[in-house]
């Protein structure tokens, strides 16, 4: 299993699918992230040991919400969350 992602690597993963950098509160779908790419990200994070539920994350597809949900999980696991 690969090293668990940090908040910085999660942000980079998402941005790798976008042409522009949205503010943390902006809907990532408006910036071109599609559902297949979103599912790819979730699968990538799960492969690295993060429980990333697609349906939960898709309810509020913003960088801020994703980082908040996954960051809480990383912090609870005692992982370094800032990069």
PDB file of N, CA and C in Angstrom:
ATOM      1  N   UNK A   1       0.850  -1.178   0.000  1.00  0.00           N
ATOM      2  CA  UNK A   1       0.000   0.000   0.000  1.00  0.00           C
ATOM      3  C   UNK A   1       0.889   1.232   0.000  1.00  0.00           C
ATOM      4  N   UNK A   2       0.506   2.228  -0.811  1.00  0.00           N
ATOM      5  CA  UNK A   2       1.252   3.469  -0.879  1.00  0.00           C
ATOM      6  C   UNK A   2       1.037   4.291   0.377  1.00  0.00           C
ATOM      7  N   UNK A   3       1.914   5.270   0.572  1.00  0.00           N
ATOM      8  CA  UNK A   3       1.789   6.184   1.696  1.00  0.00           C
ATOM      9  C   UNK A   3       0.456   6.926   1.618  1.00  0.00           C
ATOM     10  N   UNK A   4      -0.167   7.125   2.769  1.00  0.00           N
ATOM     11  CA  UNK A   4      -1.435   7.851   2.807  1.00  0.00           C
ATOM     12  C   UNK A   4      -1.239   9.273   2.297  1.00  0.00           C
ATOM     13  N   UNK A   5      -2.229   9.788   1.598  1.00  0.00           N
ATOM     14  CA  UNK A   5      -2.110  11.155   1.100  1.00  0.00           C
ATOM     15  C   UNK A   5      -2.199  12.175   2.236  1.00  0.00           C
ATOM     16  N   UNK A   6      -1.695  13.343   1.988  1.00  0.00           N
ATOM     17  CA  UNK A   6      -1.846  14.475   2.889  1.00  0.00           C
ATOM     18  C   UNK A   6      -2.875  15.414   2.270  1.00  0.00           C
ATOM     19  N   UNK A   7      -3.251  16.451   2.985  1.00  0.00           N
ATOM     20  CA  UNK A   7      -4.174  17.424   2.399  1.00  0.00           C
ATOM     21  C   UNK A   7      -3.581  18.029   1.132  1.00  0.00           C
ATOM     22  N   UNK A   8      -2.287  18.243   1.130  1.00  0.00           N
ATOM     23  CA  UNK A   8      -1.642  18.819  -0.054  1.00  0.00           C
ATOM     24  C   UNK A   8      -1.695  17.863  -1.236  1.00  0.00           C
ATOM     25  N   UNK A   9      -1.470  16.581  -1.014  1.00  0.00           N
ATOM     26  CA  UNK A   9      -1.526  15.642  -2.138  1.00  0.00           C
ATOM     27  C   UNK A   9      -2.961  15.437  -2.616  1.00  0.00           C
ATOM     28  N   UNK A  10      -3.929  15.522  -1.714  1.00  0.00           N
ATOM     29  CA  UNK A  10      -5.339  15.438  -2.122  1.00  0.00           C
ATOM     30  C   UNK A  10      -5.672  16.629  -3.012  1.00  0.00           C
ATOM     31  N   UNK A  11      -5.242  17.823  -2.618  1.00  0.00           N
ATOM     32  CA  UNK A  11      -5.474  19.026  -3.421  1.00  0.00           C
ATOM     33  C   UNK A  11      -4.821  18.866  -4.802  1.00  0.00           C
ATOM     34  N   UNK A  12      -3.592  18.396  -4.843  1.00  0.00           N
ATOM     35  CA  UNK A  12      -2.898  18.206  -6.116  1.00  0.00           C
ATOM     36  C   UNK A  12      -3.597  17.168  -6.983  1.00  0.00           C
ATOM     37  N   UNK A  13      -4.097  16.103  -6.364  1.00  0.00           N
ATOM     38  CA  UNK A  13      -4.837  15.085  -7.115  1.00  0.00           C
ATOM     39  C   UNK A  13      -6.033  15.706  -7.824  1.00  0.00           C
ATOM     40  N   UNK A  14      -6.806  16.495  -7.092  1.00  0.00           N
ATOM     41  CA  UNK A  14      -7.999  17.124  -7.676  1.00  0.00           C
ATOM     42  C   UNK A  14      -7.591  18.096  -8.781  1.00  0.00           C
ATOM     43  N   UNK A  15      -6.618  18.940  -8.499  1.00  0.00           N
ATOM     44  CA  UNK A  15      -6.215  19.961  -9.472  1.00  0.00           C
ATOM     45  C   UNK A  15      -5.644  19.359 -10.747  1.00  0.00           C
ATOM     46  N   UNK A  16      -5.157  18.116 -10.675  1.00  0.00           N
ATOM     47  CA  UNK A  16      -4.605  17.483 -11.875  1.00  0.00           C
ATOM     48  C   UNK A  16      -5.673  17.262 -12.942  1.00  0.00           C
ATOM     49  N   UNK A  17      -6.949  17.308 -12.568  1.00  0.00           N
ATOM     50  CA  UNK A  17      -8.042  17.123 -13.519  1.00  0.00           C
ATOM     51  C   UNK A  17      -8.637  18.446 -14.007  1.00  0.00           C
ATOM     52  N   UNK A  18      -8.159  19.578 -13.477  1.00  0.00           N
ATOM     53  CA  UNK A  18      -8.756  20.874 -13.791  1.00  0.00           C
ATOM     54  C   UNK A  18      -7.789  21.767 -14.549  1.00  0.00           C
ATOM     55  N   UNK A  19      -8.347  22.668 -15.357  1.00  0.00           N
ATOM     56  CA  UNK A  19      -7.525  23.643 -16.071  1.00  0.00           C
ATOM     57  C   UNK A  19      -7.273  24.888 -15.235  1.00  0.00           C
ATOM     58  N   UNK A  20      -8.225  25.246 -14.394  1.00  0.00           N
ATOM     59  CA  UNK A  20      -8.118  26.421 -13.534  1.00  0.00           C
ATOM     60  C   UNK A  20      -8.145  25.991 -12.079  1.00  0.00           C
ATOM     61  N   UNK A  21      -7.714  26.876 -11.203  1.00  0.00           N
ATOM     62  CA  UNK A  21      -7.716  26.601  -9.770  1.00  0.00           C
ATOM     63  C   UNK A  21      -8.919  27.314  -9.140  1.00  0.00           C
ATOM     64  N   UNK A  22      -9.905  26.542  -8.692  1.00  0.00           N
ATOM     65  CA  UNK A  22     -11.082  27.158  -8.079  1.00  0.00           C
ATOM     66  C   UNK A  22     -10.802  27.571  -6.637  1.00  0.00           C
ATOM     67  N   UNK A  23     -11.605  28.508  -6.146  1.00  0.00           N
ATOM     68  CA  UNK A  23     -11.583  28.800  -4.716  1.00  0.00           C
ATOM     69  C   UNK A  23     -12.119  27.582  -3.992  1.00  0.00           C
ATOM     70  N   UNK A  24     -11.798  27.457  -2.721  1.00  0.00           N
ATOM     71  CA  UNK A  24     -12.197  26.268  -1.965  1.00  0.00           C
ATOM     72  C   UNK A  24     -13.709  26.072  -1.866  1.00  0.00           C
ATOM     73  N   UNK A  25     -14.493  27.131  -2.033  1.00  0.00           N
ATOM     74  CA  UNK A  25     -15.954  27.010  -1.902  1.00  0.00           C
ATOM     75  C   UNK A  25     -16.668  26.816  -3.235  1.00  0.00           C
ATOM     76  N   UNK A  26     -15.931  26.806  -4.332  1.00  0.00           N
ATOM     77  CA  UNK A  26     -16.558  26.689  -5.646  1.00  0.00           C
ATOM     78  C   UNK A  26     -16.742  25.227  -6.057  1.00  0.00           C
ATOM     79  N   UNK A  27     -17.840  24.974  -6.746  1.00  0.00           N
ATOM     80  CA  UNK A  27     -18.185  23.626  -7.197  1.00  0.00           C
ATOM     81  C   UNK A  27     -17.178  23.149  -8.242  1.00  0.00           C
ATOM     82  N   UNK A  28     -16.536  22.029  -7.968  1.00  0.00           N
ATOM     83  CA  UNK A  28     -15.516  21.499  -8.870  1.00  0.00           C
ATOM     84  C   UNK A  28     -16.094  21.039 -10.202  1.00  0.00           C
ATOM     85  N   UNK A  29     -17.365  20.687 -10.219  1.00  0.00           N
ATOM     86  CA  UNK A  29     -18.007  20.278 -11.468  1.00  0.00           C
ATOM     87  C   UNK A  29     -18.089  21.454 -12.430  1.00  0.00           C
ATOM     88  N   UNK A  30     -18.231  22.666 -11.885  1.00  0.00           N
ATOM     89  CA  UNK A  30     -18.248  23.865 -12.717  1.00  0.00           C
ATOM     90  C   UNK A  30     -16.883  24.142 -13.342  1.00  0.00           C
ATOM     91  N   UNK A  31     -15.850  23.546 -12.794  1.00  0.00           N
ATOM     92  CA  UNK A  31     -14.485  23.723 -13.306  1.00  0.00           C
ATOM     93  C   UNK A  31     -14.053  22.565 -14.195  1.00  0.00           C
ATOM     94  N   UNK A  32     -14.986  21.667 -14.501  1.00  0.00           N
ATOM     95  CA  UNK A  32     -14.710  20.615 -15.465  1.00  0.00           C
ATOM     96  C   UNK A  32     -14.494  19.221 -14.898  1.00  0.00           C
ATOM     97  N   UNK A  33     -14.499  19.083 -13.567  1.00  0.00           N
ATOM     98  CA  UNK A  33     -14.358  17.734 -12.994  1.00  0.00           C
ATOM     99  C   UNK A  33     -15.631  16.958 -13.294  1.00  0.00           C
ATOM    100  N   UNK A  34     -15.499  15.794 -13.902  1.00  0.00           N
ATOM    101  CA  UNK A  34     -16.694  15.003 -14.195  1.00  0.00           C
ATOM    102  C   UNK A  34     -16.794  13.827 -13.221  1.00  0.00           C
ATOM    103  N   UNK A  35     -17.899  13.131 -13.285  1.00  0.00           N
ATOM    104  CA  UNK A  35     -18.149  12.063 -12.308  1.00  0.00           C
ATOM    105  C   UNK A  35     -17.146  10.920 -12.429  1.00  0.00           C
ATOM    106  N   UNK A  36     -16.700  10.611 -13.635  1.00  0.00           N
ATOM    107  CA  UNK A  36     -15.714   9.538 -13.809  1.00  0.00           C
ATOM    108  C   UNK A  36     -14.396   9.936 -13.152  1.00  0.00           C
ATOM    109  N   UNK A  37     -13.977  11.172 -13.361  1.00  0.00           N
ATOM    110  CA  UNK A  37     -12.743  11.655 -12.737  1.00  0.00           C
ATOM    111  C   UNK A  37     -12.879  11.671 -11.212  1.00  0.00           C
ATOM    112  N   UNK A  38     -14.046  12.076 -10.735  1.00  0.00           N
ATOM    113  CA  UNK A  38     -14.292  12.101  -9.296  1.00  0.00           C
ATOM    114  C   UNK A  38     -14.201  10.685  -8.722  1.00  0.00           C
ATOM    115  N   UNK A  39     -14.802   9.716  -9.412  1.00  0.00           N
ATOM    116  CA  UNK A  39     -14.718   8.326  -8.959  1.00  0.00           C
ATOM    117  C   UNK A  39     -13.274   7.820  -9.005  1.00  0.00           C
ATOM    118  N   UNK A  40     -12.513   8.265  -9.993  1.00  0.00           N
ATOM    119  CA  UNK A  40     -11.093   7.895 -10.090  1.00  0.00           C
ATOM    120  C   UNK A  40     -10.328   8.417  -8.880  1.00  0.00           C
ATOM    121  N   UNK A  41     -10.600   9.650  -8.493  1.00  0.00           N
ATOM    122  CA  UNK A  41      -9.947  10.224  -7.311  1.00  0.00           C
ATOM    123  C   UNK A  41     -10.296   9.443  -6.057  1.00  0.00           C
ATOM    124  N   UNK A  42     -11.568   9.134  -5.886  1.00  0.00           N
ATOM    125  CA  UNK A  42     -12.006   8.386  -4.708  1.00  0.00           C
ATOM    126  C   UNK A  42     -11.313   7.024  -4.672  1.00  0.00           C
ATOM    127  N   UNK A  43     -11.258   6.340  -5.802  1.00  0.00           N
ATOM    128  CA  UNK A  43     -10.586   5.034  -5.860  1.00  0.00           C
ATOM    129  C   UNK A  43      -9.103   5.174  -5.534  1.00  0.00           C
ATOM    130  N   UNK A  44      -8.475   6.216  -6.022  1.00  0.00           N
ATOM    131  CA  UNK A  44      -7.050   6.467  -5.746  1.00  0.00           C
ATOM    132  C   UNK A  44      -6.823   6.658  -4.247  1.00  0.00           C
ATOM    133  N   UNK A  45      -7.674   7.454  -3.605  1.00  0.00           N
ATOM    134  CA  UNK A  45      -7.525   7.709  -2.168  1.00  0.00           C
ATOM    135  C   UNK A  45      -7.810   6.450  -1.358  1.00  0.00           C
ATOM    136  N   UNK A  46      -8.819   5.688  -1.766  1.00  0.00           N
ATOM    137  CA  UNK A  46      -9.116   4.441  -1.054  1.00  0.00           C
ATOM    138  C   UNK A  46      -7.958   3.456  -1.163  1.00  0.00           C
ATOM    139  N   UNK A  47      -7.308   3.418  -2.322  1.00  0.00           N
ATOM    140  CA  UNK A  47      -6.154   2.537  -2.495  1.00  0.00           C
ATOM    141  C   UNK A  47      -4.997   2.934  -1.576  1.00  0.00           C
ATOM    142  N   UNK A  48      -5.010   4.190  -1.154  1.00  0.00           N
ATOM    143  CA  UNK A  48      -3.967   4.686  -0.251  1.00  0.00           C
ATOM    144  C   UNK A  48      -4.414   4.668   1.215  1.00  0.00           C
ATOM    145  N   UNK A  49      -5.550   4.021   1.484  1.00  0.00           N
ATOM    146  CA  UNK A  49      -5.984   3.843   2.862  1.00  0.00           C
ATOM    147  C   UNK A  49      -6.957   4.866   3.402  1.00  0.00           C
ATOM    148  N   UNK A  50      -7.502   5.707   2.549  1.00  0.00           N
ATOM    149  CA  UNK A  50      -8.474   6.711   2.976  1.00  0.00           C
ATOM    150  C   UNK A  50      -9.875   6.194   2.653  1.00  0.00           C
ATOM    151  N   UNK A  51     -10.759   6.258   3.624  1.00  0.00           N
ATOM    152  CA  UNK A  51     -12.162   5.911   3.373  1.00  0.00           C
ATOM    153  C   UNK A  51     -12.839   7.143   2.780  1.00  0.00           C
ATOM    154  N   UNK A  52     -12.948   7.162   1.475  1.00  0.00           N
ATOM    155  CA  UNK A  52     -13.518   8.310   0.774  1.00  0.00           C
ATOM    156  C   UNK A  52     -14.799   7.858   0.079  1.00  0.00           C
ATOM    157  N   UNK A  53     -15.919   8.125   0.683  1.00  0.00           N
ATOM    158  CA  UNK A  53     -17.204   7.713   0.135  1.00  0.00           C
ATOM    159  C   UNK A  53     -17.627   8.667  -0.980  1.00  0.00           C
ATOM    160  N   UNK A  54     -17.752   8.139  -2.197  1.00  0.00           N
ATOM    161  CA  UNK A  54     -18.093   8.960  -3.354  1.00  0.00           C
ATOM    162  C   UNK A  54     -19.373   9.754  -3.120  1.00  0.00           C
ATOM    163  N   UNK A  55     -20.428   9.095  -2.658  1.00  0.00           N
ATOM    164  CA  UNK A  55     -21.714   9.778  -2.485  1.00  0.00           C
ATOM    165  C   UNK A  55     -21.628  10.910  -1.474  1.00  0.00           C
ATOM    166  N   UNK A  56     -20.914  10.706  -0.391  1.00  0.00           N
ATOM    167  CA  UNK A  56     -20.758  11.762   0.617  1.00  0.00           C
ATOM    168  C   UNK A  56     -19.993  12.952   0.053  1.00  0.00           C
ATOM    169  N   UNK A  57     -18.912  12.667  -0.642  1.00  0.00           N
ATOM    170  CA  UNK A  57     -18.107  13.748  -1.203  1.00  0.00           C
ATOM    171  C   UNK A  57     -18.828  14.468  -2.336  1.00  0.00           C
ATOM    172  N   UNK A  58     -19.613  13.737  -3.113  1.00  0.00           N
ATOM    173  CA  UNK A  58     -20.311  14.327  -4.254  1.00  0.00           C
ATOM    174  C   UNK A  58     -21.458  15.248  -3.836  1.00  0.00           C
ATOM    175  N   UNK A  59     -21.927  15.123  -2.604  1.00  0.00           N
ATOM    176  CA  UNK A  59     -23.002  16.012  -2.129  1.00  0.00           C
ATOM    177  C   UNK A  59     -22.557  17.466  -2.108  1.00  0.00           C
ATOM    178  N   UNK A  60     -21.284  17.698  -1.855  1.00  0.00           N
ATOM    179  CA  UNK A  60     -20.740  19.055  -1.821  1.00  0.00           C
ATOM    180  C   UNK A  60     -19.368  19.016  -2.490  1.00  0.00           C
ATOM    181  N   UNK A  61     -19.348  18.994  -3.824  1.00  0.00           N
ATOM    182  CA  UNK A  61     -18.091  18.801  -4.547  1.00  0.00           C
ATOM    183  C   UNK A  61     -17.248  20.083  -4.636  1.00  0.00           C
ATOM    184  N   UNK A  62     -16.802  20.542  -3.480  1.00  0.00           N
ATOM    185  CA  UNK A  62     -15.901  21.690  -3.429  1.00  0.00           C
ATOM    186  C   UNK A  62     -14.588  21.232  -2.813  1.00  0.00           C
ATOM    187  N   UNK A  63     -13.529  21.935  -3.121  1.00  0.00           N
ATOM    188  CA  UNK A  63     -12.229  21.583  -2.552  1.00  0.00           C
ATOM    189  C   UNK A  63     -12.288  21.680  -1.029  1.00  0.00           C
ATOM    190  N   UNK A  64     -12.927  22.732  -0.529  1.00  0.00           N
ATOM    191  CA  UNK A  64     -13.010  22.909   0.918  1.00  0.00           C
ATOM    192  C   UNK A  64     -13.717  21.758   1.610  1.00  0.00           C
ATOM    193  N   UNK A  65     -14.835  21.307   1.046  1.00  0.00           N
ATOM    194  CA  UNK A  65     -15.588  20.208   1.655  1.00  0.00           C
ATOM    195  C   UNK A  65     -14.805  18.901   1.602  1.00  0.00           C
ATOM    196  N   UNK A  66     -14.179  18.644   0.473  1.00  0.00           N
ATOM    197  CA  UNK A  66     -13.394  17.413   0.337  1.00  0.00           C
ATOM    198  C   UNK A  66     -12.244  17.412   1.335  1.00  0.00           C
ATOM    199  N   UNK A  67     -11.523  18.530   1.401  1.00  0.00           N
ATOM    200  CA  UNK A  67     -10.392  18.614   2.332  1.00  0.00           C
ATOM    201  C   UNK A  67     -10.851  18.521   3.774  1.00  0.00           C
ATOM    202  N   UNK A  68     -12.015  19.070   4.069  1.00  0.00           N
ATOM    203  CA  UNK A  68     -12.545  18.995   5.426  1.00  0.00           C
ATOM    204  C   UNK A  68     -12.880  17.555   5.809  1.00  0.00           C
ATOM    205  N   UNK A  69     -13.616  16.860   4.955  1.00  0.00           N
ATOM    206  CA  UNK A  69     -14.008  15.478   5.240  1.00  0.00           C
ATOM    207  C   UNK A  69     -12.782  14.570   5.345  1.00  0.00           C
ATOM    208  N   UNK A  70     -11.913  14.646   4.357  1.00  0.00           N
ATOM    209  CA  UNK A  70     -10.749  13.775   4.366  1.00  0.00           C
ATOM    210  C   UNK A  70      -9.724  14.217   5.395  1.00  0.00           C
ATOM    211  N   UNK A  71      -9.621  15.510   5.627  1.00  0.00           N
ATOM    212  CA  UNK A  71      -8.698  16.020   6.640  1.00  0.00           C
ATOM    213  C   UNK A  71      -9.079  15.563   8.028  1.00  0.00           C
ATOM    214  N   UNK A  72     -10.373  15.544   8.328  1.00  0.00           N
ATOM    215  CA  UNK A  72     -10.835  15.042   9.625  1.00  0.00           C
ATOM    216  C   UNK A  72     -10.414  13.591   9.804  1.00  0.00           C
ATOM    217  N   UNK A  73     -10.531  12.815   8.745  1.00  0.00           N
ATOM    218  CA  UNK A  73     -10.143  11.409   8.799  1.00  0.00           C
ATOM    219  C   UNK A  73      -8.630  11.267   8.996  1.00  0.00           C
ATOM    220  N   UNK A  74      -7.845  12.063   8.285  1.00  0.00           N
ATOM    221  CA  UNK A  74      -6.399  12.020   8.428  1.00  0.00           C
ATOM    222  C   UNK A  74      -5.971  12.421   9.835  1.00  0.00           C
ATOM    223  N   UNK A  75      -6.607  13.462  10.362  1.00  0.00           N
ATOM    224  CA  UNK A  75      -6.273  13.927  11.706  1.00  0.00           C
ATOM    225  C   UNK A  75      -6.636  12.866  12.741  1.00  0.00           C
ATOM    226  N   UNK A  76      -7.775  12.213  12.560  1.00  0.00           N
ATOM    227  CA  UNK A  76      -8.191  11.160  13.498  1.00  0.00           C
ATOM    228  C   UNK A  76      -7.232   9.985  13.472  1.00  0.00           C
ATOM    229  N   UNK A  77      -6.625   9.742  12.319  1.00  0.00           N
ATOM    230  CA  UNK A  77      -5.677   8.651  12.191  1.00  0.00           C
ATOM    231  C   UNK A  77      -4.288   9.059  12.672  1.00  0.00           C
ATOM    232  N   UNK A  78      -4.126  10.346  13.011  1.00  0.00           N
ATOM    233  CA  UNK A  78      -2.839  10.821  13.506  1.00  0.00           C
ATOM    234  C   UNK A  78      -1.828  11.068  12.406  1.00  0.00           C
ATOM    235  N   UNK A  79      -2.293  11.151  11.159  1.00  0.00           N
ATOM    236  CA  UNK A  79      -1.381  11.396  10.044  1.00  0.00           C
ATOM    237  C   UNK A  79      -1.085  12.888   9.931  1.00  0.00           C
ATOM    238  N   UNK A  80       0.021  13.204   9.289  1.00  0.00           N
ATOM    239  CA  UNK A  80       0.381  14.565   8.975  1.00  0.00           C
ATOM    240  C   UNK A  80      -0.583  15.038   7.907  1.00  0.00           C
ATOM    241  N   UNK A  81      -1.298  16.138   8.155  1.00  0.00           N
ATOM    242  CA  UNK A  81      -2.325  16.559   7.213  1.00  0.00           C
ATOM    243  C   UNK A  81      -1.967  17.794   6.424  1.00  0.00           C
ATOM    244  N   UNK A  82      -0.826  18.379   6.626  1.00  0.00           N
ATOM    245  CA  UNK A  82      -0.541  19.613   5.917  1.00  0.00           C
ATOM    246  C   UNK A  82       0.564  19.488   4.893  1.00  0.00           C
ATOM    247  N   UNK A  83       0.956  18.298   4.587  1.00  0.00           N
ATOM    248  CA  UNK A  83       1.929  18.133   3.520  1.00  0.00           C
ATOM    249  C   UNK A  83       3.216  17.617   4.047  1.00  0.00           C
TER     250      UNK A  83
END
